[in-house]
Amino acid sequence: MHSGDDTPTTRASSCLHQSTTAWLRGGGDTGQRGELLRLNMRDMDLRGAALANANIRECDLTGADLSGADLRGSSLVSSVMVGVNFTNALIDFADMTDTDLRGANFTGASLNGADMWRANLKGAVIDPIVLHTLLDCREPDETSAYFALTKS
């Protein structure tokens, strides 16, 4: 992590990062699964953080930099992540239910199997194909009402 601030939240985040990294490397035998609940983590620099399978619920990460972070399988339920930078982050199979993602940047992020039920994506930068895949959208076929209305 790259933050120069020495605050309780920064220290907690650093401990989480180290503990989670040990847990992941040791196959669950050392360290522990990361858990952060209801913390103010606004504007934190978490570039490249190893937070796979972490429980980061109901946290405020507004403006945080999670570019290149590994969040695979993490729970980010009900967190506020307005304007978060997720560029090139690994977010596969993460649970982002009820998460406020307004203005977040998902450029180059991997979101396979991510759950964004009731997430607010207003103004988010996300590849349209990735978004349609997340929302399970399909092109209308000849039997759809849309096709019937647009056919000349």
Protein backbone atom coordinates (compact mmCIF):
# COMPACT_ATOMS: atom_id res chain seq x y z
CA MET A 1 0.00 0.00 0.00
CA HIS A 2 1.15 3.49 -0.72
CA SER A 3 -0.46 5.73 1.86
CA GLY A 4 1.85 7.91 3.95
CA ASP A 5 -0.84 8.61 6.55
CA ASP A 6 -0.47 6.86 9.90
CA THR A 7 -4.10 6.71 11.02
CA PRO A 8 -5.97 3.88 12.76
CA THR A 9 -7.76 3.05 9.51
CA THR A 10 -4.49 3.00 7.53
CA ARG A 11 -2.85 0.76 10.14
CA ALA A 12 -5.91 -1.54 10.17
CA SER A 13 -5.86 -1.72 6.39
CA SER A 14 -2.12 -2.53 6.40
CA CYS A 15 -2.67 -5.30 8.97
CA LEU A 16 -5.59 -6.62 6.91
CA HIS A 17 -3.46 -6.65 3.79
CA GLN A 18 -0.60 -8.54 5.51
CA SER A 19 -2.90 -11.02 7.26
CA THR A 20 -4.95 -11.70 4.14
CA THR A 21 -1.81 -12.12 2.03
CA ALA A 22 -0.47 -14.70 4.54
CA TRP A 23 -3.86 -16.47 4.55
CA LEU A 24 -3.95 -16.66 0.76
CA ARG A 25 -0.32 -17.80 0.42
CA GLY A 26 -0.67 -20.38 3.19
CA GLY A 27 -3.84 -21.90 1.74
CA GLY A 28 -5.80 -20.82 4.82
CA ASP A 29 -3.29 -22.28 7.33
CA THR A 30 -1.70 -18.96 8.35
CA GLY A 31 -3.06 -15.46 8.74
CA GLN A 32 -6.80 -14.95 8.47
CA ARG A 33 -9.45 -13.93 6.02
CA GLY A 34 -9.53 -10.17 5.88
CA GLU A 35 -12.45 -8.46 7.55
CA LEU A 36 -13.23 -4.76 7.60
CA LEU A 37 -16.67 -3.68 8.74
CA ARG A 38 -18.17 -0.18 8.79
CA LEU A 39 -14.84 1.68 8.43
CA ASN A 40 -14.09 5.06 6.90
CA MET A 41 -11.53 4.28 4.21
CA ARG A 42 -12.13 7.37 2.08
CA ASP A 43 -9.39 8.29 -0.38
CA MET A 44 -7.17 5.37 0.70
CA ASP A 45 -4.42 4.23 -1.64
CA LEU A 46 -4.94 0.46 -1.95
CA ARG A 47 -3.26 0.01 -5.32
CA GLY A 48 -2.39 -3.64 -5.91
CA ALA A 49 -3.76 -4.72 -2.52
CA ALA A 50 -4.27 -8.48 -2.03
CA LEU A 51 -7.82 -8.53 -0.68
CA ALA A 52 -9.20 -11.71 -2.29
CA ASN A 53 -12.04 -13.22 -0.26
CA ALA A 54 -12.01 -10.27 2.15
CA ASN A 55 -15.15 -9.18 3.94
CA ILE A 56 -15.30 -5.41 3.38
CA ARG A 57 -18.92 -4.62 4.26
CA GLU A 58 -20.60 -1.28 4.85
CA CYS A 59 -17.34 0.65 4.47
CA ASP A 60 -16.93 4.10 2.96
CA LEU A 61 -14.22 3.87 0.29
CA THR A 62 -15.24 7.03 -1.56
CA GLY A 63 -12.38 8.18 -3.79
CA ALA A 64 -10.14 5.21 -2.91
CA ASP A 65 -7.63 3.83 -5.41
CA LEU A 66 -8.06 0.07 -5.83
CA SER A 67 -6.36 -0.08 -9.22
CA GLY A 68 -4.74 -3.44 -9.77
CA ALA A 69 -6.16 -4.77 -6.49
CA ASP A 70 -7.19 -8.42 -6.11
CA LEU A 71 -10.75 -8.43 -4.80
CA ARG A 72 -11.75 -11.83 -6.19
CA GLY A 73 -14.46 -13.45 -4.10
CA SER A 74 -14.66 -10.48 -1.72
CA SER A 75 -17.83 -9.19 -0.15
CA LEU A 76 -18.26 -5.45 -0.62
CA VAL A 77 -21.96 -5.47 0.25
CA SER A 78 -23.56 -2.12 1.13
CA SER A 79 -20.29 -0.20 0.83
CA VAL A 80 -20.03 3.34 -0.51
CA MET A 81 -17.49 3.33 -3.33
CA VAL A 82 -18.25 6.58 -5.14
CA GLY A 83 -15.51 7.51 -7.60
CA VAL A 84 -13.33 4.49 -6.74
CA ASN A 85 -10.60 3.62 -9.22
CA PHE A 86 -10.89 -0.11 -10.06
CA THR A 87 -8.66 0.12 -13.16
CA ASN A 88 -7.24 -3.34 -13.96
CA ALA A 89 -8.55 -4.75 -10.67
CA LEU A 90 -9.54 -8.40 -10.30
CA ILE A 91 -13.14 -8.36 -9.05
CA ASP A 92 -14.26 -11.79 -10.24
CA PHE A 93 -17.05 -13.36 -8.17
CA ALA A 94 -17.13 -10.41 -5.75
CA ASP A 95 -20.44 -9.56 -4.10
CA MET A 96 -21.25 -5.88 -4.62
CA THR A 97 -24.93 -6.09 -3.70
CA ASP A 98 -26.40 -2.72 -2.68
CA THR A 99 -23.05 -0.99 -3.27
CA ASP A 100 -22.91 2.66 -4.31
CA LEU A 101 -20.54 2.66 -7.30
CA ARG A 102 -21.46 6.03 -8.80
CA GLY A 103 -18.63 7.36 -10.94
CA ALA A 104 -16.38 4.34 -10.32
CA ASN A 105 -13.82 3.50 -13.01
CA PHE A 106 -13.80 -0.18 -14.07
CA THR A 107 -11.50 0.26 -17.10
CA GLY A 108 -9.72 -3.04 -17.72
CA ALA A 109 -11.18 -4.62 -14.57
CA SER A 110 -12.10 -8.30 -14.58
CA LEU A 111 -15.68 -8.72 -13.33
CA ASN A 112 -16.50 -12.34 -14.27
CA GLY A 113 -19.31 -13.61 -12.08
CA ALA A 114 -19.46 -10.44 -9.96
CA ASP A 115 -22.83 -9.80 -8.31
CA MET A 116 -24.03 -6.20 -8.59
CA TRP A 117 -27.64 -6.66 -7.56
CA ARG A 118 -29.13 -3.22 -6.78
CA ALA A 119 -25.72 -1.53 -7.16
CA ASN A 120 -25.79 2.10 -8.25
CA LEU A 121 -23.59 2.39 -11.35
CA LYS A 122 -24.68 5.88 -12.40
CA GLY A 123 -21.79 7.59 -14.18
CA ALA A 124 -19.50 4.57 -13.78
CA VAL A 125 -16.95 3.87 -16.51
CA ILE A 126 -17.48 0.25 -17.53
CA ASP A 127 -17.17 -1.59 -20.82
CA PRO A 128 -20.70 -1.97 -22.29
CA ILE A 129 -20.16 -5.66 -23.07
CA VAL A 130 -19.01 -6.32 -19.49
CA LEU A 131 -22.03 -4.45 -18.16
CA HIS A 132 -24.45 -6.37 -20.38
CA THR A 133 -22.85 -9.64 -19.27
CA LEU A 134 -23.20 -8.66 -15.60
CA LEU A 135 -26.84 -7.74 -16.15
CA ASP A 136 -27.44 -10.93 -18.16
CA CYS A 137 -28.73 -8.89 -21.11
CA ARG A 138 -29.27 -10.57 -24.44
CA GLU A 139 -29.84 -9.22 -27.90
CA PRO A 140 -33.53 -9.27 -28.79
CA ASP A 141 -34.55 -12.11 -31.05
CA GLU A 142 -37.30 -12.15 -33.69
CA THR A 143 -39.97 -13.08 -31.13
CA SER A 144 -39.32 -10.11 -28.82
CA ALA A 145 -41.54 -7.05 -28.63
CA TYR A 146 -38.48 -4.87 -29.32
CA PHE A 147 -37.81 -6.65 -32.61
CA ALA A 148 -41.45 -6.29 -33.66
CA LEU A 149 -41.41 -2.53 -32.95
CA THR A 150 -38.14 -1.83 -34.75
CA LYS A 151 -38.68 -4.04 -37.81
CA SER A 152 -39.40 -1.95 -40.90
